[in-house]
Every structure is written in C-alpha cells, then in structure tokens.
Amino acid sequence: MNAQNVATILLYLAVIFHLLGMSGWVVSTMAQPIQLATLALLLTAIFVLRKKKRKTKRRARKPPVEVTTMLDRAEGGEPGK
C-alpha cells in the first residue's frame, strides 16, 4: 500500500467521523472525543503524505581547461591574452 492510498483511507475515515459527530446521533459527551479522533486522522493523513526532503551533497566540479591554463600563466608570470 503506498502513502497516497493510506492517506485516502484516513481522510475517508475522518469525514465519516465528522459526519457522525455533526449528525446529532451521538451522545453529547462523545462529541469531543469524536472531534479529537477526526483531528488525529487528518493530521495522520498529512504526516503520511509528507515527503522527506533529502539534502544531496554536490560534488566539487572540476574547473574547465581554460581556467587551469589561465592559472598556469598567472603563476608562471607569462602575460595573458
């Protein structure tokens, strides 16, 4: 099961809990736990869909040939063009 399917199931459950809480069929003492369960399902769906950002380390690139020739000329004291 991939993350998107799990998040979809969690969102459907959250909607069902929300509709159940809003319908009036539930005892008033159960309203707050149902709201908390709805919130927990929504936050879990967000957490499941969150993509982990990976930092990629960039390798130091080799300078072009022109740069090395310019450095050789500067170190050798030869006049550049």
C-alpha atoms as a PDB file:
ATOM      1  CA  MET A   1       0.000   0.000   0.000  1.00  0.00           C
ATOM      2  CA  ASN A   2       1.510   3.315  -0.946  1.00  0.00           C
ATOM      3  CA  ALA A   3       1.237   6.530   1.041  1.00  0.00           C
ATOM      4  CA  GLN A   4      -1.446   8.039  -1.136  1.00  0.00           C
ATOM      5  CA  ASN A   5      -3.807   5.089  -0.603  1.00  0.00           C
ATOM      6  CA  VAL A   6      -3.284   5.187   3.168  1.00  0.00           C
ATOM      7  CA  ALA A   7      -3.921   8.939   3.239  1.00  0.00           C
ATOM      8  CA  THR A   8      -7.112   8.480   1.211  1.00  0.00           C
ATOM      9  CA  ILE A   9      -8.412   5.869   3.650  1.00  0.00           C
ATOM     10  CA  LEU A  10      -7.560   8.114   6.605  1.00  0.00           C
ATOM     11  CA  LEU A  11      -9.364  11.061   5.024  1.00  0.00           C
ATOM     12  CA  TYR A  12     -12.471   8.968   4.352  1.00  0.00           C
ATOM     13  CA  LEU A  13     -12.484   7.838   7.978  1.00  0.00           C
ATOM     14  CA  ALA A  14     -12.082  11.441   9.143  1.00  0.00           C
ATOM     15  CA  VAL A  15     -15.041  12.533   7.010  1.00  0.00           C
ATOM     16  CA  ILE A  16     -17.182   9.692   8.376  1.00  0.00           C
ATOM     17  CA  PHE A  17     -16.290  10.603  11.964  1.00  0.00           C
ATOM     18  CA  HIS A  18     -17.012  14.262  11.274  1.00  0.00           C
ATOM     19  CA  LEU A  19     -20.397  13.479   9.743  1.00  0.00           C
ATOM     20  CA  LEU A  20     -21.198  11.168  12.639  1.00  0.00           C
ATOM     21  CA  GLY A  21     -20.340  13.895  15.135  1.00  0.00           C
ATOM     22  CA  MET A  22     -22.336  16.538  13.270  1.00  0.00           C
ATOM     23  CA  SER A  23     -25.379  14.320  12.727  1.00  0.00           C
ATOM     24  CA  GLY A  24     -26.631  14.542  16.297  1.00  0.00           C
ATOM     25  CA  TRP A  25     -26.897  10.772  16.709  1.00  0.00           C
ATOM     26  CA  VAL A  26     -24.039  10.760  19.179  1.00  0.00           C
ATOM     27  CA  VAL A  27     -24.354  11.449  22.904  1.00  0.00           C
ATOM     28  CA  SER A  28     -23.094  14.942  23.725  1.00  0.00           C
ATOM     29  CA  THR A  29     -20.348  13.552  25.965  1.00  0.00           C
ATOM     30  CA  MET A  30     -18.876  11.750  22.944  1.00  0.00           C
ATOM     31  CA  ALA A  31     -18.709  14.880  20.760  1.00  0.00           C
ATOM     32  CA  GLN A  32     -15.251  15.946  21.912  1.00  0.00           C
ATOM     33  CA  PRO A  33     -13.584  12.519  21.540  1.00  0.00           C
ATOM     34  CA  ILE A  34     -15.035  12.207  18.029  1.00  0.00           C
ATOM     35  CA  GLN A  35     -13.687  15.646  17.146  1.00  0.00           C
ATOM     36  CA  LEU A  36     -10.287  14.680  18.515  1.00  0.00           C
ATOM     37  CA  ALA A  37     -10.333  11.439  16.528  1.00  0.00           C
ATOM     38  CA  THR A  38     -11.203  13.406  13.387  1.00  0.00           C
ATOM     39  CA  LEU A  39      -8.323  15.787  14.025  1.00  0.00           C
ATOM     40  CA  ALA A  40      -5.940  12.912  14.678  1.00  0.00           C
ATOM     41  CA  LEU A  41      -6.944  11.207  11.418  1.00  0.00           C
ATOM     42  CA  LEU A  42      -6.456  14.419   9.435  1.00  0.00           C
ATOM     43  CA  LEU A  43      -3.043  15.068  10.969  1.00  0.00           C
ATOM     44  CA  THR A  44      -2.010  11.479  10.340  1.00  0.00           C
ATOM     45  CA  ALA A  45      -3.027  11.820   6.681  1.00  0.00           C
ATOM     46  CA  ILE A  46      -0.895  14.960   6.389  1.00  0.00           C
ATOM     47  CA  PHE A  47       2.022  13.178   8.043  1.00  0.00           C
ATOM     48  CA  VAL A  48       1.688  10.196   5.687  1.00  0.00           C
ATOM     49  CA  LEU A  49       1.685  12.442   2.612  1.00  0.00           C
ATOM     50  CA  ARG A  50       4.656  14.481   3.778  1.00  0.00           C
ATOM     51  CA  LYS A  51       7.724  13.847   1.665  1.00  0.00           C
ATOM     52  CA  LYS A  52      11.048  13.677   3.365  1.00  0.00           C
ATOM     53  CA  LYS A  53      13.460  16.212   1.968  1.00  0.00           C
ATOM     54  CA  ARG A  54      16.860  14.781   1.354  1.00  0.00           C
ATOM     55  CA  LYS A  55      19.852  17.011   1.129  1.00  0.00           C
ATOM     56  CA  THR A  56      22.115  15.992  -1.686  1.00  0.00           C
ATOM     57  CA  LYS A  57      25.740  16.862  -1.411  1.00  0.00           C
ATOM     58  CA  ARG A  58      27.120  18.455  -4.510  1.00  0.00           C
ATOM     59  CA  ARG A  59      30.477  17.274  -5.652  1.00  0.00           C
ATOM     60  CA  ALA A  60      33.069  19.881  -6.379  1.00  0.00           C
ATOM     61  CA  ARG A  61      33.213  20.204 -10.120  1.00  0.00           C
ATOM     62  CA  LYS A  62      36.446  20.147 -11.986  1.00  0.00           C
ATOM     63  CA  PRO A  63      37.169  23.601 -13.426  1.00  0.00           C
ATOM     64  CA  PRO A  64      37.262  23.970 -17.205  1.00  0.00           C
ATOM     65  CA  VAL A  65      40.547  23.658 -19.070  1.00  0.00           C
ATOM     66  CA  GLU A  66      40.629  27.409 -19.756  1.00  0.00           C
ATOM     67  CA  VAL A  67      40.751  28.156 -16.034  1.00  0.00           C
ATOM     68  CA  THR A  68      43.702  25.857 -15.447  1.00  0.00           C
ATOM     69  CA  THR A  69      45.637  27.390 -18.347  1.00  0.00           C
ATOM     70  CA  MET A  70      44.934  30.888 -17.015  1.00  0.00           C
ATOM     71  CA  LEU A  71      46.155  29.844 -13.578  1.00  0.00           C
ATOM     72  CA  ASP A  72      49.315  28.320 -15.054  1.00  0.00           C
ATOM     73  CA  ARG A  73      50.019  31.523 -16.943  1.00  0.00           C
ATOM     74  CA  ALA A  74      49.408  33.653 -13.839  1.00  0.00           C
ATOM     75  CA  GLU A  75      51.708  31.526 -11.714  1.00  0.00           C
ATOM     76  CA  GLY A  76      54.395  31.371 -14.378  1.00  0.00           C
ATOM     77  CA  GLY A  77      54.417  35.106 -14.915  1.00  0.00           C
ATOM     78  CA  GLU A  78      53.531  34.856 -18.592  1.00  0.00           C
ATOM     79  CA  PRO A  79      51.361  37.648 -19.925  1.00  0.00           C
ATOM     80  CA  GLY A  80      47.785  36.605 -20.709  1.00  0.00           C
ATOM     81  CA  LYS A  81      45.956  37.362 -23.924  1.00  0.00           C
END
